[in-house]
Amino acid sequence: MSESIIVALIAGAASIGGAGIGAYFSNRKSSALITYRLEQLEKKVDKHNSVVERTYALEQQQAVQEERLDVANHRIADLEAITGHMATDK
């Protein structure tokens, strides 16, 4: 009877160990997939942030150009007022 108990304990330990090993490899594979997906997501976020930074710089440059255009238009209007000429739209 003690032999059957020992055999049962060994069989039980092997089945628990087998399940543990299977779970370990399954978790390892899932972890590797999650790590890969996170790396891909980080790359996409970096690209997005780069686009946002470039867009902000372009918006700043556009604002400067618009300000320069406004100043130039005011200067032209002042010169026309001084000389008595009015601009005509063609």
N, C-alpha and C. Protein backbone atom coordinates (compact mmCIF):
# COMPACT_ATOMS: atom_id res chain seq x y z
N MET A 1 0.80 -1.18 0.00
CA MET A 1 0.00 0.00 0.00
C MET A 1 0.86 1.26 0.00
N SER A 2 1.96 1.20 0.64
CA SER A 2 2.84 2.37 0.65
C SER A 2 3.42 2.62 -0.73
N GLU A 3 3.61 1.54 -1.52
CA GLU A 3 4.11 1.74 -2.88
C GLU A 3 3.07 2.47 -3.73
N SER A 4 1.84 2.14 -3.56
CA SER A 4 0.79 2.81 -4.35
C SER A 4 0.66 4.26 -3.93
N ILE A 5 0.86 4.56 -2.67
CA ILE A 5 0.81 5.95 -2.21
C ILE A 5 1.99 6.73 -2.80
N ILE A 6 3.16 6.12 -2.79
CA ILE A 6 4.34 6.78 -3.34
C ILE A 6 4.16 7.02 -4.84
N VAL A 7 3.65 6.02 -5.56
CA VAL A 7 3.40 6.15 -6.99
C VAL A 7 2.38 7.25 -7.24
N ALA A 8 1.33 7.29 -6.42
CA ALA A 8 0.30 8.32 -6.57
C ALA A 8 0.88 9.70 -6.31
N LEU A 9 1.72 9.83 -5.30
CA LEU A 9 2.34 11.12 -5.00
C LEU A 9 3.26 11.57 -6.14
N ILE A 10 4.02 10.63 -6.67
CA ILE A 10 4.92 10.96 -7.78
C ILE A 10 4.11 11.37 -9.00
N ALA A 11 3.05 10.63 -9.29
CA ALA A 11 2.20 10.96 -10.43
C ALA A 11 1.54 12.32 -10.24
N GLY A 12 1.07 12.60 -9.03
CA GLY A 12 0.45 13.89 -8.74
C GLY A 12 1.45 15.03 -8.87
N ALA A 13 2.67 14.80 -8.36
CA ALA A 13 3.70 15.83 -8.46
C ALA A 13 4.07 16.08 -9.92
N ALA A 14 4.14 15.03 -10.71
CA ALA A 14 4.49 15.16 -12.12
C ALA A 14 3.40 15.93 -12.87
N SER A 15 2.13 15.64 -12.55
CA SER A 15 1.05 16.34 -13.24
C SER A 15 1.01 17.81 -12.84
N ILE A 16 1.24 18.09 -11.56
CA ILE A 16 1.27 19.49 -11.12
C ILE A 16 2.47 20.20 -11.73
N GLY A 17 3.62 19.53 -11.72
CA GLY A 17 4.83 20.10 -12.31
C GLY A 17 4.66 20.32 -13.79
N GLY A 18 4.04 19.39 -14.49
CA GLY A 18 3.80 19.53 -15.92
C GLY A 18 2.91 20.71 -16.22
N ALA A 19 1.88 20.87 -15.41
CA ALA A 19 0.99 22.02 -15.59
C ALA A 19 1.75 23.31 -15.31
N GLY A 20 2.60 23.29 -14.31
CA GLY A 20 3.39 24.47 -13.98
C GLY A 20 4.36 24.82 -15.08
N ILE A 21 4.97 23.82 -15.67
CA ILE A 21 5.91 24.05 -16.76
C ILE A 21 5.16 24.60 -17.98
N GLY A 22 4.01 24.01 -18.29
CA GLY A 22 3.21 24.50 -19.41
C GLY A 22 2.78 25.94 -19.20
N ALA A 23 2.35 26.25 -17.98
CA ALA A 23 1.93 27.62 -17.67
C ALA A 23 3.12 28.58 -17.78
N TYR A 24 4.28 28.12 -17.33
CA TYR A 24 5.48 28.96 -17.40
C TYR A 24 5.80 29.34 -18.85
N PHE A 25 5.82 28.33 -19.74
CA PHE A 25 6.14 28.60 -21.13
C PHE A 25 5.05 29.43 -21.81
N SER A 26 3.81 29.20 -21.43
CA SER A 26 2.72 29.99 -21.98
C SER A 26 2.86 31.45 -21.55
N ASN A 27 3.15 31.66 -20.26
CA ASN A 27 3.32 33.03 -19.76
C ASN A 27 4.54 33.69 -20.39
N ARG A 28 5.58 32.92 -20.60
CA ARG A 28 6.80 33.47 -21.21
C ARG A 28 6.50 33.93 -22.63
N LYS A 29 5.75 33.12 -23.38
CA LYS A 29 5.40 33.49 -24.75
C LYS A 29 4.52 34.74 -24.76
N SER A 30 3.55 34.78 -23.86
CA SER A 30 2.66 35.95 -23.78
C SER A 30 3.45 37.19 -23.39
N SER A 31 4.37 37.03 -22.47
CA SER A 31 5.19 38.16 -22.03
C SER A 31 6.05 38.68 -23.18
N ALA A 32 6.61 37.78 -23.96
CA ALA A 32 7.42 38.20 -25.10
C ALA A 32 6.56 38.94 -26.12
N LEU A 33 5.34 38.48 -26.34
CA LEU A 33 4.44 39.15 -27.28
C LEU A 33 4.06 40.53 -26.77
N ILE A 34 3.77 40.63 -25.50
CA ILE A 34 3.42 41.93 -24.92
C ILE A 34 4.60 42.89 -25.02
N THR A 35 5.79 42.40 -24.76
CA THR A 35 6.99 43.24 -24.86
C THR A 35 7.16 43.75 -26.30
N TYR A 36 6.98 42.87 -27.26
CA TYR A 36 7.10 43.25 -28.67
C TYR A 36 6.07 44.31 -29.03
N ARG A 37 4.83 44.08 -28.62
CA ARG A 37 3.76 45.03 -28.94
C ARG A 37 4.01 46.39 -28.30
N LEU A 38 4.53 46.39 -27.07
CA LEU A 38 4.85 47.66 -26.41
C LEU A 38 5.96 48.40 -27.16
N GLU A 39 6.96 47.68 -27.63
CA GLU A 39 8.03 48.31 -28.39
C GLU A 39 7.49 48.94 -29.66
N GLN A 40 6.59 48.24 -30.34
CA GLN A 40 5.99 48.78 -31.56
C GLN A 40 5.16 50.01 -31.25
N LEU A 41 4.42 49.96 -30.16
CA LEU A 41 3.61 51.11 -29.76
C LEU A 41 4.49 52.30 -29.41
N GLU A 42 5.61 52.06 -28.73
CA GLU A 42 6.53 53.14 -28.40
C GLU A 42 7.07 53.80 -29.66
N LYS A 43 7.37 53.01 -30.69
CA LYS A 43 7.85 53.56 -31.94
C LYS A 43 6.79 54.46 -32.58
N LYS A 44 5.54 54.01 -32.54
CA LYS A 44 4.46 54.81 -33.11
C LYS A 44 4.28 56.11 -32.34
N VAL A 45 4.37 56.04 -31.03
CA VAL A 45 4.23 57.24 -30.19
C VAL A 45 5.37 58.21 -30.49
N ASP A 46 6.59 57.69 -30.66
CA ASP A 46 7.72 58.56 -31.00
C ASP A 46 7.49 59.27 -32.33
N LYS A 47 6.98 58.53 -33.32
CA LYS A 47 6.68 59.15 -34.62
C LYS A 47 5.62 60.24 -34.46
N HIS A 48 4.59 59.93 -33.69
CA HIS A 48 3.50 60.89 -33.47
C HIS A 48 4.04 62.15 -32.80
N ASN A 49 4.86 61.97 -31.76
CA ASN A 49 5.41 63.12 -31.06
C ASN A 49 6.28 63.96 -31.98
N SER A 50 7.00 63.30 -32.87
CA SER A 50 7.84 64.02 -33.83
C SER A 50 6.97 64.87 -34.76
N VAL A 51 5.87 64.29 -35.20
CA VAL A 51 4.95 65.04 -36.08
C VAL A 51 4.35 66.22 -35.34
N VAL A 52 3.98 66.03 -34.10
CA VAL A 52 3.41 67.12 -33.31
C VAL A 52 4.43 68.24 -33.14
N GLU A 53 5.67 67.90 -32.84
CA GLU A 53 6.71 68.91 -32.67
C GLU A 53 6.96 69.67 -33.97
N ARG A 54 7.02 68.95 -35.09
CA ARG A 54 7.24 69.62 -36.38
C ARG A 54 6.05 70.51 -36.73
N THR A 55 4.84 70.05 -36.45
CA THR A 55 3.64 70.85 -36.72
C THR A 55 3.66 72.13 -35.90
N TYR A 56 4.06 72.03 -34.64
CA TYR A 56 4.12 73.21 -33.78
C TYR A 56 5.13 74.21 -34.35
N ALA A 57 6.29 73.71 -34.79
CA ALA A 57 7.31 74.59 -35.36
C ALA A 57 6.78 75.27 -36.62
N LEU A 58 6.08 74.52 -37.47
CA LEU A 58 5.51 75.11 -38.68
C LEU A 58 4.46 76.17 -38.36
N GLU A 59 3.65 75.91 -37.34
CA GLU A 59 2.65 76.89 -36.94
C GLU A 59 3.30 78.17 -36.44
N GLN A 60 4.39 78.03 -35.72
CA GLN A 60 5.11 79.21 -35.24
C GLN A 60 5.69 80.00 -36.41
N GLN A 61 6.27 79.29 -37.38
CA GLN A 61 6.82 79.97 -38.56
C GLN A 61 5.72 80.67 -39.35
N GLN A 62 4.56 80.02 -39.46
CA GLN A 62 3.45 80.62 -40.19
C GLN A 62 2.98 81.89 -39.48
N ALA A 63 2.93 81.86 -38.17
CA ALA A 63 2.51 83.05 -37.41
C ALA A 63 3.48 84.20 -37.64
N VAL A 64 4.77 83.91 -37.67
CA VAL A 64 5.78 84.94 -37.92
C VAL A 64 5.60 85.52 -39.32
N GLN A 65 5.36 84.65 -40.32
CA GLN A 65 5.18 85.12 -41.70
C GLN A 65 3.91 85.97 -41.82
N GLU A 66 2.86 85.57 -41.14
CA GLU A 66 1.62 86.36 -41.17
C GLU A 66 1.84 87.73 -40.55
N GLU A 67 2.60 87.77 -39.46
CA GLU A 67 2.90 89.06 -38.81
C GLU A 67 3.72 89.94 -39.75
N ARG A 68 4.69 89.35 -40.43
CA ARG A 68 5.51 90.12 -41.38
C ARG A 68 4.65 90.65 -42.52
N LEU A 69 3.73 89.84 -42.99
CA LEU A 69 2.84 90.27 -44.07
C LEU A 69 1.95 91.43 -43.60
N ASP A 70 1.43 91.34 -42.39
CA ASP A 70 0.61 92.42 -41.85
C ASP A 70 1.42 93.72 -41.74
N VAL A 71 2.65 93.60 -41.27
CA VAL A 71 3.51 94.79 -41.15
C VAL A 71 3.78 95.38 -42.52
N ALA A 72 4.07 94.54 -43.50
CA ALA A 72 4.33 95.03 -44.86
C ALA A 72 3.09 95.71 -45.43
N ASN A 73 1.92 95.14 -45.20
CA ASN A 73 0.68 95.75 -45.69
C ASN A 73 0.44 97.11 -45.04
N HIS A 74 0.73 97.23 -43.75
CA HIS A 74 0.57 98.52 -43.07
C HIS A 74 1.56 99.55 -43.62
N ARG A 75 2.77 99.12 -43.88
CA ARG A 75 3.76 100.04 -44.44
C ARG A 75 3.31 100.53 -45.82
N ILE A 76 2.82 99.61 -46.64
CA ILE A 76 2.34 100.00 -47.98
C ILE A 76 1.17 100.97 -47.85
N ALA A 77 0.26 100.69 -46.94
CA ALA A 77 -0.89 101.59 -46.75
C ALA A 77 -0.43 102.96 -46.28
N ASP A 78 0.55 103.00 -45.38
CA ASP A 78 1.07 104.29 -44.91
C ASP A 78 1.74 105.06 -46.04
N LEU A 79 2.52 104.36 -46.85
CA LEU A 79 3.18 105.02 -47.98
C LEU A 79 2.17 105.54 -48.98
N GLU A 80 1.13 104.77 -49.23
CA GLU A 80 0.09 105.23 -50.16
C GLU A 80 -0.64 106.44 -49.61
N ALA A 81 -0.85 106.46 -48.30
CA ALA A 81 -1.53 107.59 -47.69
C ALA A 81 -0.66 108.85 -47.79
N ILE A 82 0.65 108.67 -47.61
CA ILE A 82 1.56 109.80 -47.67
C ILE A 82 1.65 110.36 -49.09
N THR A 83 1.72 109.50 -50.06
CA THR A 83 1.87 109.95 -51.45
C THR A 83 0.53 110.27 -52.09
N GLY A 84 -0.57 109.92 -51.48
CA GLY A 84 -1.89 110.23 -52.04
C GLY A 84 -2.36 109.21 -53.04
N HIS A 85 -1.67 108.13 -53.18
CA HIS A 85 -2.10 107.10 -54.10
C HIS A 85 -2.87 106.06 -53.33
N MET A 86 -3.83 105.48 -54.01
CA MET A 86 -4.57 104.39 -53.40
C MET A 86 -4.33 103.14 -54.23
N ALA A 87 -4.19 102.05 -53.55
CA ALA A 87 -4.00 100.80 -54.27
C ALA A 87 -5.30 100.37 -54.92
N THR A 88 -5.18 99.82 -56.10
CA THR A 88 -6.36 99.33 -56.78
C THR A 88 -6.23 97.82 -56.97
N ASP A 89 -7.30 97.14 -56.78
CA ASP A 89 -7.30 95.69 -56.99
C ASP A 89 -7.55 95.42 -58.45
N LYS A 90 -6.73 94.60 -59.04
CA LYS A 90 -6.90 94.27 -60.45
C LYS A 90 -7.33 92.85 -60.58
